[in-house]
N, C-alpha and C. Protein backbone atom coordinates (compact mmCIF):
# COMPACT_ATOMS: atom_id res chain seq x y z
N UNK A 1 1.57 -18.31 -15.17
CA UNK A 1 0.94 -17.16 -14.45
C UNK A 1 1.13 -17.43 -12.94
N UNK A 2 1.00 -16.29 -12.19
CA UNK A 2 1.10 -16.34 -10.74
C UNK A 2 -0.15 -16.93 -10.08
N UNK A 3 -1.26 -16.80 -10.73
CA UNK A 3 -2.50 -17.24 -10.11
C UNK A 3 -2.57 -18.77 -9.99
N UNK A 4 -2.90 -19.24 -8.77
CA UNK A 4 -3.12 -20.67 -8.64
C UNK A 4 -4.62 -20.90 -8.77
N UNK A 5 -5.04 -22.07 -8.62
CA UNK A 5 -6.47 -22.42 -8.80
C UNK A 5 -7.34 -21.66 -7.85
N UNK A 6 -6.97 -21.56 -6.60
CA UNK A 6 -7.79 -20.84 -5.61
C UNK A 6 -7.87 -19.38 -6.00
N UNK A 7 -6.82 -18.79 -6.43
CA UNK A 7 -6.86 -17.36 -6.88
C UNK A 7 -7.76 -17.18 -8.08
N UNK A 8 -7.64 -18.16 -8.96
CA UNK A 8 -8.52 -18.03 -10.16
C UNK A 8 -9.99 -18.14 -9.83
N UNK A 9 -10.31 -19.09 -8.91
CA UNK A 9 -11.71 -19.26 -8.52
C UNK A 9 -12.17 -18.00 -7.69
N UNK A 10 -11.23 -17.45 -6.93
CA UNK A 10 -11.60 -16.26 -6.08
C UNK A 10 -11.82 -15.03 -7.05
N UNK A 11 -10.99 -14.95 -8.06
CA UNK A 11 -11.14 -13.80 -9.03
C UNK A 11 -12.48 -13.85 -9.78
N UNK A 12 -12.99 -15.04 -9.97
CA UNK A 12 -14.24 -15.13 -10.66
C UNK A 12 -15.39 -14.73 -9.70
N UNK A 13 -15.17 -15.02 -8.39
CA UNK A 13 -16.27 -14.66 -7.43
C UNK A 13 -16.25 -13.18 -7.03
N UNK A 14 -15.08 -12.52 -7.11
CA UNK A 14 -15.00 -11.13 -6.74
C UNK A 14 -14.59 -10.26 -7.94
N UNK A 15 -15.47 -9.35 -8.30
CA UNK A 15 -15.17 -8.57 -9.54
C UNK A 15 -13.95 -7.64 -9.33
N UNK A 16 -13.59 -7.34 -8.10
CA UNK A 16 -12.43 -6.42 -7.87
C UNK A 16 -11.18 -7.22 -7.56
N UNK A 17 -11.13 -8.53 -7.79
CA UNK A 17 -9.97 -9.35 -7.50
C UNK A 17 -8.85 -8.86 -8.35
N UNK A 18 -7.67 -8.68 -7.77
CA UNK A 18 -6.52 -8.26 -8.49
C UNK A 18 -6.37 -6.75 -8.48
N UNK A 19 -7.28 -6.02 -8.00
CA UNK A 19 -7.19 -4.55 -7.94
C UNK A 19 -6.00 -4.09 -7.14
N UNK A 20 -5.65 -4.89 -6.10
CA UNK A 20 -4.49 -4.48 -5.27
C UNK A 20 -3.21 -4.52 -6.06
N UNK A 21 -3.19 -5.20 -7.26
CA UNK A 21 -2.00 -5.25 -8.00
C UNK A 21 -1.86 -4.11 -9.03
N UNK A 22 -2.97 -3.35 -9.19
CA UNK A 22 -2.97 -2.31 -10.15
C UNK A 22 -2.32 -1.02 -9.57
N UNK A 23 -1.81 -0.19 -10.48
CA UNK A 23 -1.23 1.06 -10.12
C UNK A 23 -2.25 2.12 -10.58
N UNK A 24 -2.92 2.78 -9.67
CA UNK A 24 -4.07 3.69 -9.98
C UNK A 24 -3.76 5.07 -9.44
N UNK A 25 -3.90 6.04 -10.33
CA UNK A 25 -3.73 7.47 -10.02
C UNK A 25 -4.91 8.30 -10.44
N UNK A 26 -5.45 9.17 -9.58
CA UNK A 26 -6.43 10.09 -9.99
C UNK A 26 -5.76 11.47 -10.16
N UNK A 27 -6.16 12.26 -11.03
CA UNK A 27 -5.60 13.55 -11.30
C UNK A 27 -6.65 14.47 -11.96
N UNK A 28 -6.37 15.77 -11.99
CA UNK A 28 -7.24 16.72 -12.67
C UNK A 28 -6.69 16.83 -14.12
N UNK A 29 -7.57 16.51 -15.03
CA UNK A 29 -7.25 16.60 -16.43
C UNK A 29 -8.17 17.61 -17.14
N UNK A 30 -8.03 17.78 -18.40
CA UNK A 30 -8.98 18.67 -19.11
C UNK A 30 -9.77 17.83 -20.12
N UNK A 31 -10.95 18.29 -20.42
CA UNK A 31 -11.84 17.61 -21.42
C UNK A 31 -12.43 18.75 -22.24
N UNK A 32 -12.36 18.54 -23.52
CA UNK A 32 -12.93 19.58 -24.45
C UNK A 32 -14.44 19.45 -24.40
N UNK A 33 -15.07 20.60 -24.22
CA UNK A 33 -16.55 20.75 -24.17
C UNK A 33 -16.95 21.02 -25.65
N UNK A 34 -17.31 19.99 -26.40
CA UNK A 34 -17.64 20.06 -27.84
C UNK A 34 -18.74 21.04 -28.07
N UNK A 35 -19.81 20.96 -27.36
CA UNK A 35 -21.01 21.78 -27.58
C UNK A 35 -20.65 23.23 -27.40
N UNK A 36 -20.03 23.58 -26.28
CA UNK A 36 -19.69 24.98 -26.03
C UNK A 36 -18.64 25.52 -27.04
N UNK A 37 -17.76 24.60 -27.39
CA UNK A 37 -16.71 24.99 -28.40
C UNK A 37 -17.35 25.42 -29.72
N UNK A 38 -18.39 24.67 -30.15
CA UNK A 38 -19.09 25.02 -31.39
C UNK A 38 -19.86 26.32 -31.22
N UNK A 39 -20.52 26.45 -30.04
CA UNK A 39 -21.30 27.65 -29.73
C UNK A 39 -20.45 28.91 -29.68
N UNK A 40 -19.27 28.79 -29.04
CA UNK A 40 -18.41 29.94 -28.83
C UNK A 40 -17.49 30.18 -30.00
N UNK A 41 -17.31 29.19 -30.90
CA UNK A 41 -16.46 29.35 -32.04
C UNK A 41 -14.95 29.29 -31.67
N UNK A 42 -14.64 28.76 -30.51
CA UNK A 42 -13.24 28.62 -30.04
C UNK A 42 -13.25 27.39 -29.17
N UNK A 43 -12.08 26.81 -28.94
CA UNK A 43 -11.99 25.58 -28.02
C UNK A 43 -12.28 25.99 -26.61
N UNK A 44 -13.16 25.24 -25.99
CA UNK A 44 -13.50 25.42 -24.57
C UNK A 44 -13.19 24.10 -23.85
N UNK A 45 -12.40 24.19 -22.79
CA UNK A 45 -12.05 23.01 -22.03
C UNK A 45 -12.53 23.14 -20.57
N UNK A 46 -12.84 22.05 -19.99
CA UNK A 46 -13.29 21.96 -18.55
C UNK A 46 -12.27 21.09 -17.75
N UNK A 47 -12.01 21.49 -16.49
CA UNK A 47 -11.22 20.61 -15.64
C UNK A 47 -12.04 19.45 -15.20
N UNK A 48 -11.61 18.27 -15.39
CA UNK A 48 -12.39 17.06 -14.99
C UNK A 48 -11.47 16.08 -14.33
N UNK A 49 -11.98 15.43 -13.31
CA UNK A 49 -11.26 14.35 -12.65
C UNK A 49 -11.02 13.17 -13.57
N UNK A 50 -9.76 12.77 -13.71
CA UNK A 50 -9.34 11.63 -14.57
C UNK A 50 -8.79 10.52 -13.68
N UNK A 51 -8.77 9.27 -14.25
CA UNK A 51 -8.11 8.18 -13.62
C UNK A 51 -7.22 7.49 -14.63
N UNK A 52 -6.05 7.11 -14.11
CA UNK A 52 -5.07 6.33 -14.95
C UNK A 52 -4.91 4.99 -14.24
N UNK A 53 -5.24 3.93 -14.90
CA UNK A 53 -5.13 2.59 -14.35
C UNK A 53 -4.11 1.82 -15.13
N UNK A 54 -3.05 1.38 -14.44
CA UNK A 54 -1.99 0.69 -15.11
C UNK A 54 -1.70 -0.66 -14.44
N UNK A 55 -1.23 -1.62 -15.25
CA UNK A 55 -0.77 -2.90 -14.69
C UNK A 55 0.77 -2.70 -14.64
N UNK A 56 1.36 -2.74 -13.38
CA UNK A 56 2.78 -2.56 -13.27
C UNK A 56 3.49 -3.53 -14.20
N UNK A 57 4.48 -3.00 -14.93
CA UNK A 57 5.25 -3.79 -15.81
C UNK A 57 4.68 -3.89 -17.27
N UNK A 58 3.50 -3.46 -17.47
CA UNK A 58 2.83 -3.57 -18.79
C UNK A 58 2.57 -2.14 -19.33
N UNK A 59 3.48 -1.63 -20.20
CA UNK A 59 3.40 -0.27 -20.75
C UNK A 59 2.31 -0.19 -21.81
N UNK A 60 1.84 -1.26 -22.27
CA UNK A 60 0.86 -1.22 -23.37
C UNK A 60 -0.61 -1.32 -22.85
N UNK A 61 -0.82 -1.60 -21.64
CA UNK A 61 -2.14 -1.77 -21.11
C UNK A 61 -2.43 -0.68 -20.09
N UNK A 62 -2.74 0.57 -20.53
CA UNK A 62 -2.99 1.66 -19.64
C UNK A 62 -4.38 2.30 -20.02
N UNK A 63 -5.19 2.47 -18.95
CA UNK A 63 -6.50 3.07 -19.13
C UNK A 63 -6.33 4.47 -18.58
N UNK A 64 -6.63 5.54 -19.41
CA UNK A 64 -6.51 6.93 -18.94
C UNK A 64 -7.72 7.62 -19.50
N UNK A 65 -8.69 8.04 -18.63
CA UNK A 65 -9.94 8.53 -19.02
C UNK A 65 -10.59 9.37 -17.88
N UNK A 66 -11.59 10.12 -18.21
CA UNK A 66 -12.35 10.79 -17.14
C UNK A 66 -12.83 9.74 -16.12
N UNK A 67 -12.72 10.11 -14.83
CA UNK A 67 -13.14 9.21 -13.79
C UNK A 67 -14.62 9.06 -13.71
N UNK A 68 -15.05 7.81 -13.45
CA UNK A 68 -16.50 7.54 -13.30
C UNK A 68 -16.76 7.28 -11.78
N UNK A 69 -18.01 7.31 -11.39
CA UNK A 69 -18.35 7.04 -10.03
C UNK A 69 -17.86 5.65 -9.63
N UNK A 70 -17.93 4.66 -10.56
CA UNK A 70 -17.52 3.34 -10.26
C UNK A 70 -16.00 3.28 -10.01
N UNK A 71 -15.22 4.15 -10.62
CA UNK A 71 -13.81 4.20 -10.35
C UNK A 71 -13.53 4.76 -8.96
N UNK A 72 -14.29 5.81 -8.62
CA UNK A 72 -14.20 6.40 -7.31
C UNK A 72 -14.49 5.40 -6.20
N UNK A 73 -15.43 4.61 -6.45
CA UNK A 73 -15.85 3.57 -5.43
C UNK A 73 -14.85 2.43 -5.45
N UNK A 74 -14.51 1.92 -6.61
CA UNK A 74 -13.60 0.76 -6.72
C UNK A 74 -12.20 1.09 -6.17
N UNK A 75 -11.73 2.26 -6.39
CA UNK A 75 -10.37 2.64 -5.94
C UNK A 75 -10.48 3.80 -4.91
N UNK A 76 -11.27 3.53 -3.90
CA UNK A 76 -11.64 4.52 -2.88
C UNK A 76 -10.38 5.12 -2.20
N UNK A 77 -9.46 4.23 -1.87
CA UNK A 77 -8.29 4.67 -1.19
C UNK A 77 -7.46 5.65 -1.96
N UNK A 78 -7.22 5.37 -3.23
CA UNK A 78 -6.47 6.24 -4.14
C UNK A 78 -7.27 7.59 -4.30
N UNK A 79 -8.61 7.45 -4.50
CA UNK A 79 -9.38 8.62 -4.71
C UNK A 79 -9.39 9.53 -3.52
N UNK A 80 -9.45 8.91 -2.33
CA UNK A 80 -9.39 9.74 -1.13
C UNK A 80 -8.09 10.50 -0.99
N UNK A 81 -6.98 9.84 -1.37
CA UNK A 81 -5.67 10.55 -1.38
C UNK A 81 -5.60 11.62 -2.34
N UNK A 82 -6.23 11.48 -3.54
CA UNK A 82 -6.32 12.52 -4.50
C UNK A 82 -7.14 13.74 -3.96
N UNK A 83 -8.28 13.38 -3.37
CA UNK A 83 -9.20 14.43 -2.85
C UNK A 83 -8.54 15.19 -1.63
N UNK A 84 -7.66 14.56 -0.99
CA UNK A 84 -6.96 15.23 0.13
C UNK A 84 -5.80 16.10 -0.40
N UNK A 85 -5.64 16.17 -1.67
CA UNK A 85 -4.63 17.03 -2.26
C UNK A 85 -3.33 16.39 -2.57
N UNK A 86 -3.23 15.13 -2.41
CA UNK A 86 -1.95 14.43 -2.72
C UNK A 86 -1.63 14.44 -4.20
N UNK A 87 -0.40 14.74 -4.51
CA UNK A 87 0.03 14.70 -5.89
C UNK A 87 0.08 13.24 -6.32
N UNK A 88 0.26 13.04 -7.66
CA UNK A 88 0.27 11.67 -8.21
C UNK A 88 1.28 10.77 -7.42
N UNK A 89 2.48 11.29 -7.20
CA UNK A 89 3.52 10.50 -6.51
C UNK A 89 3.18 10.12 -5.12
N UNK A 90 2.34 11.05 -4.49
CA UNK A 90 1.98 10.84 -3.09
C UNK A 90 0.79 9.82 -2.92
N UNK A 91 0.16 9.47 -4.05
CA UNK A 91 -0.92 8.54 -3.99
C UNK A 91 -0.43 7.07 -4.03
N UNK A 92 0.81 6.92 -4.17
CA UNK A 92 1.39 5.54 -4.22
C UNK A 92 1.37 5.01 -2.76
N UNK A 93 0.88 3.79 -2.65
CA UNK A 93 0.86 3.08 -1.31
C UNK A 93 1.79 1.88 -1.36
N UNK A 94 2.68 1.83 -0.44
CA UNK A 94 3.64 0.69 -0.36
C UNK A 94 5.03 1.27 -0.16
N UNK A 95 6.04 0.33 -0.18
CA UNK A 95 7.43 0.68 -0.02
C UNK A 95 7.99 1.12 -1.40
N UNK A 96 8.32 2.38 -1.54
CA UNK A 96 8.79 2.89 -2.81
C UNK A 96 10.14 2.22 -3.16
N UNK A 97 10.28 1.96 -4.42
CA UNK A 97 11.52 1.35 -4.87
C UNK A 97 12.71 2.18 -4.52
N UNK A 98 12.57 3.50 -4.59
CA UNK A 98 13.70 4.36 -4.21
C UNK A 98 14.12 4.25 -2.76
N UNK A 99 13.26 3.67 -1.94
CA UNK A 99 13.63 3.48 -0.50
C UNK A 99 14.09 2.04 -0.23
N UNK A 100 14.11 1.25 -1.25
CA UNK A 100 14.49 -0.19 -1.06
C UNK A 100 15.99 -0.25 -1.41
N UNK A 101 16.80 -0.65 -0.46
CA UNK A 101 18.21 -0.57 -0.60
C UNK A 101 18.84 -1.57 -1.65
N UNK A 102 18.08 -2.41 -2.20
CA UNK A 102 18.57 -3.41 -3.18
C UNK A 102 18.70 -2.98 -4.58
N UNK A 103 18.15 -1.82 -4.91
CA UNK A 103 18.12 -1.36 -6.29
C UNK A 103 19.00 -0.14 -6.47
N UNK A 104 19.63 -0.06 -7.62
CA UNK A 104 20.38 1.07 -7.97
C UNK A 104 19.39 2.17 -8.45
N UNK A 105 19.82 3.37 -8.59
CA UNK A 105 19.02 4.43 -9.09
C UNK A 105 18.55 4.17 -10.52
N UNK A 106 19.45 3.59 -11.35
CA UNK A 106 19.13 3.17 -12.70
C UNK A 106 18.04 2.19 -12.74
N UNK A 107 18.10 1.15 -11.93
CA UNK A 107 17.08 0.09 -11.87
C UNK A 107 15.75 0.74 -11.48
N UNK A 108 15.78 1.65 -10.51
CA UNK A 108 14.51 2.30 -10.11
C UNK A 108 13.85 3.04 -11.33
N UNK A 109 14.68 3.69 -12.07
CA UNK A 109 14.20 4.44 -13.25
C UNK A 109 13.65 3.49 -14.31
N UNK A 110 14.36 2.37 -14.54
CA UNK A 110 13.87 1.39 -15.49
C UNK A 110 12.50 0.85 -15.09
N UNK A 111 12.35 0.53 -13.77
CA UNK A 111 11.14 0.03 -13.31
C UNK A 111 10.05 1.10 -13.30
N UNK A 112 10.40 2.32 -13.08
CA UNK A 112 9.46 3.41 -13.12
C UNK A 112 8.88 3.54 -14.57
N UNK A 113 9.77 3.33 -15.50
CA UNK A 113 9.33 3.41 -16.94
C UNK A 113 8.22 2.29 -17.16
N UNK A 114 8.34 1.18 -16.46
CA UNK A 114 7.37 0.10 -16.56
C UNK A 114 6.22 0.24 -15.63
N UNK A 115 6.06 1.42 -14.99
CA UNK A 115 4.99 1.76 -14.02
C UNK A 115 5.08 0.87 -12.81
N UNK A 116 6.31 0.46 -12.43
CA UNK A 116 6.46 -0.21 -11.17
C UNK A 116 7.09 0.73 -10.22
N UNK A 117 6.37 1.07 -9.14
CA UNK A 117 6.90 2.15 -8.27
C UNK A 117 7.14 1.60 -6.84
N UNK A 118 6.57 0.42 -6.49
CA UNK A 118 6.76 -0.08 -5.12
C UNK A 118 7.30 -1.52 -5.08
N UNK A 119 7.84 -1.87 -3.98
CA UNK A 119 8.32 -3.31 -3.85
C UNK A 119 7.15 -4.21 -3.95
N UNK A 120 6.00 -3.84 -3.41
CA UNK A 120 4.85 -4.66 -3.46
C UNK A 120 4.41 -4.95 -4.94
N UNK A 121 4.48 -3.90 -5.75
CA UNK A 121 4.11 -4.07 -7.18
C UNK A 121 5.10 -4.99 -7.84
N UNK A 122 6.41 -4.81 -7.58
CA UNK A 122 7.45 -5.58 -8.09
C UNK A 122 7.23 -7.11 -7.73
N UNK A 123 6.90 -7.33 -6.51
CA UNK A 123 6.70 -8.70 -5.97
C UNK A 123 5.54 -9.41 -6.60
N UNK A 124 4.61 -8.68 -7.16
CA UNK A 124 3.39 -9.30 -7.73
C UNK A 124 3.26 -9.18 -9.26
N UNK A 125 4.47 -8.88 -9.91
CA UNK A 125 4.35 -8.78 -11.38
C UNK A 125 4.01 -10.14 -11.95
N UNK A 126 3.24 -10.06 -13.06
CA UNK A 126 2.85 -11.32 -13.74
C UNK A 126 4.05 -11.93 -14.48
N UNK A 127 4.04 -13.24 -14.63
CA UNK A 127 5.12 -13.92 -15.29
C UNK A 127 5.31 -13.54 -16.76
N UNK A 128 4.20 -13.26 -17.42
CA UNK A 128 4.30 -12.83 -18.80
C UNK A 128 5.09 -11.54 -18.97
N UNK A 129 4.95 -10.64 -17.99
CA UNK A 129 5.73 -9.43 -17.99
C UNK A 129 7.17 -9.61 -17.61
N UNK A 130 7.44 -10.61 -16.76
CA UNK A 130 8.81 -10.81 -16.37
C UNK A 130 9.71 -11.24 -17.53
N UNK A 131 9.11 -11.94 -18.49
CA UNK A 131 9.94 -12.55 -19.60
C UNK A 131 10.33 -11.38 -20.53
N UNK A 132 9.80 -10.21 -20.40
CA UNK A 132 10.12 -9.15 -21.31
C UNK A 132 11.42 -8.31 -20.90
N UNK A 133 11.78 -8.48 -19.65
CA UNK A 133 12.95 -7.70 -19.19
C UNK A 133 13.88 -8.69 -18.48
N UNK A 134 15.15 -8.72 -19.03
CA UNK A 134 16.12 -9.60 -18.33
C UNK A 134 16.41 -9.19 -16.90
N UNK A 135 16.49 -10.14 -16.02
CA UNK A 135 16.77 -9.90 -14.62
C UNK A 135 15.59 -9.55 -13.76
N UNK A 136 14.48 -9.32 -14.42
CA UNK A 136 13.25 -8.91 -13.61
C UNK A 136 12.77 -10.08 -12.73
N UNK A 137 12.90 -11.30 -13.19
CA UNK A 137 12.47 -12.45 -12.41
C UNK A 137 13.21 -12.51 -11.05
N UNK A 138 14.56 -12.29 -11.15
CA UNK A 138 15.39 -12.29 -9.95
C UNK A 138 14.99 -11.17 -9.09
N UNK A 139 14.69 -10.00 -9.51
CA UNK A 139 14.30 -8.84 -8.74
C UNK A 139 12.92 -9.13 -8.04
N UNK A 140 12.03 -9.79 -8.80
CA UNK A 140 10.76 -10.13 -8.23
C UNK A 140 10.94 -11.11 -7.06
N UNK A 141 11.81 -12.08 -7.21
CA UNK A 141 12.02 -13.03 -6.12
C UNK A 141 12.61 -12.39 -4.89
N UNK A 142 13.54 -11.41 -5.13
CA UNK A 142 14.19 -10.63 -4.02
C UNK A 142 13.07 -9.82 -3.29
N UNK A 143 12.18 -9.24 -4.10
CA UNK A 143 11.15 -8.44 -3.51
C UNK A 143 10.21 -9.24 -2.68
N UNK A 144 9.81 -10.45 -3.19
CA UNK A 144 8.95 -11.34 -2.42
C UNK A 144 9.65 -11.76 -1.12
N UNK A 145 10.88 -12.16 -1.21
CA UNK A 145 11.59 -12.59 -0.02
C UNK A 145 11.78 -11.43 0.97
N UNK A 146 12.01 -10.27 0.53
CA UNK A 146 12.19 -9.11 1.42
C UNK A 146 10.89 -8.81 2.11
N UNK A 147 9.77 -8.84 1.40
CA UNK A 147 8.44 -8.60 2.00
C UNK A 147 8.10 -9.71 3.01
N UNK A 148 8.39 -10.92 2.71
CA UNK A 148 8.21 -12.03 3.65
C UNK A 148 9.01 -11.81 4.93
N UNK A 149 10.26 -11.43 4.77
CA UNK A 149 11.06 -11.22 5.98
C UNK A 149 10.56 -9.99 6.74
N UNK A 150 10.13 -8.97 6.06
CA UNK A 150 9.54 -7.77 6.75
C UNK A 150 8.32 -8.15 7.51
N UNK A 151 7.47 -9.02 6.95
CA UNK A 151 6.27 -9.49 7.63
C UNK A 151 6.57 -10.27 8.88
N UNK A 152 7.62 -11.13 8.73
CA UNK A 152 8.05 -11.96 9.93
C UNK A 152 8.64 -11.01 11.02
N UNK A 153 9.45 -10.05 10.55
CA UNK A 153 10.00 -9.09 11.53
C UNK A 153 8.92 -8.28 12.25
N UNK A 154 7.93 -7.92 11.48
CA UNK A 154 6.79 -7.17 12.09
C UNK A 154 6.11 -8.03 13.19
N UNK A 155 5.84 -9.27 12.83
CA UNK A 155 5.26 -10.17 13.84
C UNK A 155 6.12 -10.34 15.07
N UNK A 156 7.43 -10.48 14.85
CA UNK A 156 8.36 -10.53 15.97
C UNK A 156 8.33 -9.29 16.81
N UNK A 157 8.29 -8.15 16.16
CA UNK A 157 8.29 -6.90 16.88
C UNK A 157 7.00 -6.70 17.67
N UNK A 158 5.94 -7.12 17.10
CA UNK A 158 4.63 -7.11 17.76
C UNK A 158 4.62 -7.94 18.98
N UNK A 159 5.18 -9.10 18.86
CA UNK A 159 5.27 -10.07 20.00
C UNK A 159 6.13 -9.50 21.05
N UNK A 160 7.30 -8.87 20.73
CA UNK A 160 8.23 -8.25 21.71
C UNK A 160 7.51 -7.10 22.38
N UNK A 161 6.72 -6.32 21.72
CA UNK A 161 6.01 -5.25 22.29
C UNK A 161 4.99 -5.79 23.29
N UNK A 162 4.23 -6.85 22.91
CA UNK A 162 3.26 -7.45 23.80
C UNK A 162 3.89 -7.96 25.05
N UNK A 163 5.12 -8.62 24.90
CA UNK A 163 5.81 -9.11 26.05
C UNK A 163 6.30 -8.04 26.97
N UNK A 164 6.77 -6.92 26.31
CA UNK A 164 7.23 -5.81 27.18
C UNK A 164 6.02 -5.11 27.95
N UNK A 165 4.89 -5.05 27.31
CA UNK A 165 3.75 -4.55 27.95
C UNK A 165 3.31 -5.43 29.12
N UNK A 166 3.34 -6.73 28.88
CA UNK A 166 3.06 -7.72 29.95
C UNK A 166 4.04 -7.62 31.13
N UNK A 167 5.31 -7.49 30.82
CA UNK A 167 6.36 -7.39 31.84
C UNK A 167 6.11 -6.07 32.68
N UNK A 168 5.75 -4.98 31.99
CA UNK A 168 5.45 -3.72 32.71
C UNK A 168 4.27 -3.87 33.64
N UNK A 169 3.22 -4.54 33.16
CA UNK A 169 2.07 -4.83 34.01
C UNK A 169 2.41 -5.65 35.20
N UNK A 170 3.19 -6.68 34.98
CA UNK A 170 3.60 -7.58 36.14
C UNK A 170 4.39 -6.78 37.13
N UNK A 171 5.31 -5.92 36.64
CA UNK A 171 6.16 -5.12 37.54
C UNK A 171 5.25 -4.15 38.33
N UNK A 172 4.24 -3.54 37.72
CA UNK A 172 3.39 -2.59 38.39
C UNK A 172 2.53 -3.37 39.38
N UNK A 173 2.11 -4.55 39.09
CA UNK A 173 1.36 -5.35 40.06
C UNK A 173 2.20 -5.77 41.27
N UNK A 174 3.44 -6.15 40.94
CA UNK A 174 4.31 -6.50 42.09
C UNK A 174 4.56 -5.36 43.00
N UNK A 175 4.70 -4.14 42.38
CA UNK A 175 4.89 -2.89 43.22
C UNK A 175 3.68 -2.65 44.09
N UNK A 176 2.45 -2.82 43.50
CA UNK A 176 1.23 -2.65 44.28
C UNK A 176 1.13 -3.67 45.40
N UNK A 177 1.48 -4.90 45.15
CA UNK A 177 1.45 -5.93 46.21
C UNK A 177 2.42 -5.62 47.29
N UNK A 178 3.68 -5.17 46.99
CA UNK A 178 4.64 -4.83 48.00
C UNK A 178 4.11 -3.66 48.90
N UNK A 179 3.54 -2.63 48.22
CA UNK A 179 3.01 -1.49 48.98
C UNK A 179 1.87 -1.90 49.89
N UNK A 180 1.01 -2.75 49.41
CA UNK A 180 -0.09 -3.24 50.23
C UNK A 180 0.49 -4.08 51.42
N UNK A 181 1.50 -4.88 51.15
CA UNK A 181 2.08 -5.69 52.20
C UNK A 181 2.68 -4.79 53.26
N UNK A 182 3.33 -3.67 52.81
CA UNK A 182 3.92 -2.72 53.81
C UNK A 182 2.82 -2.09 54.68
N UNK A 183 1.73 -1.74 54.03
CA UNK A 183 0.63 -1.09 54.69
C UNK A 183 -0.01 -2.04 55.76
N UNK A 184 -0.20 -3.32 55.40
CA UNK A 184 -0.74 -4.33 56.28
C UNK A 184 0.21 -4.51 57.43
N UNK A 185 1.55 -4.56 57.14
CA UNK A 185 2.53 -4.75 58.19
C UNK A 185 2.47 -3.55 59.19
N UNK A 186 2.31 -2.35 58.75
CA UNK A 186 2.19 -1.16 59.58
C UNK A 186 0.92 -1.15 60.41
N UNK A 187 -0.22 -1.61 59.77
CA UNK A 187 -1.45 -1.70 60.54
C UNK A 187 -1.41 -2.77 61.61
N UNK A 188 -0.72 -3.87 61.29
CA UNK A 188 -0.60 -4.94 62.29
C UNK A 188 0.30 -4.49 63.43
N UNK A 189 1.26 -3.74 63.12
CA UNK A 189 2.20 -3.24 64.16
C UNK A 189 1.47 -2.25 64.99
N UNK A 190 0.61 -1.39 64.50
CA UNK A 190 -0.11 -0.43 65.29
C UNK A 190 -1.14 -1.16 66.18
N UNK A 191 -1.82 -2.11 65.62
CA UNK A 191 -2.84 -2.88 66.38
C UNK A 191 -2.18 -3.70 67.48
N UNK A 192 -1.09 -4.27 67.24
CA UNK A 192 -0.41 -5.10 68.22
C UNK A 192 0.32 -4.26 69.30
N UNK A 193 0.51 -3.00 69.06
CA UNK A 193 1.24 -2.19 70.03
C UNK A 193 0.46 -1.64 71.13
């Protein structure tokens, strides 16, 4: 398994540990109103918010049911995206596999079948799921390495931006000092004349 001892201890302390690895979608579904159906003598259905909770890579472990208040709280980010009118595909957070240059279209579709939609999901697949699909371990390692490089590049870009801002500030200060020196020189010239 991917979890080390610290992760295992942390998952026992936090009930939502591992939620960031789940693929969660909210959507409007229908639910049969049994009581009204009996009263009306025909099937009556109501539109109801549903939640689908999946473990990327595990096609057999999917929860799909009417959403509870605890789901809305637990997966607040996904629920907010749903409430803002985002379609199921738009609720996905992360780098989509279709935007990752290392996969073919066929590989993207295979992973989509396994409910893996982002590079982040691919990078955190459990080892027991990797054994089920040949080549998936290698893809997971590529995803992890790519994310690590991206994180390093982001830190470098942030540092470069901070240095550029510092250089601009220094340049502005030097300009102000030169202008003040010129003013002082002019004042001294007027006073001495």
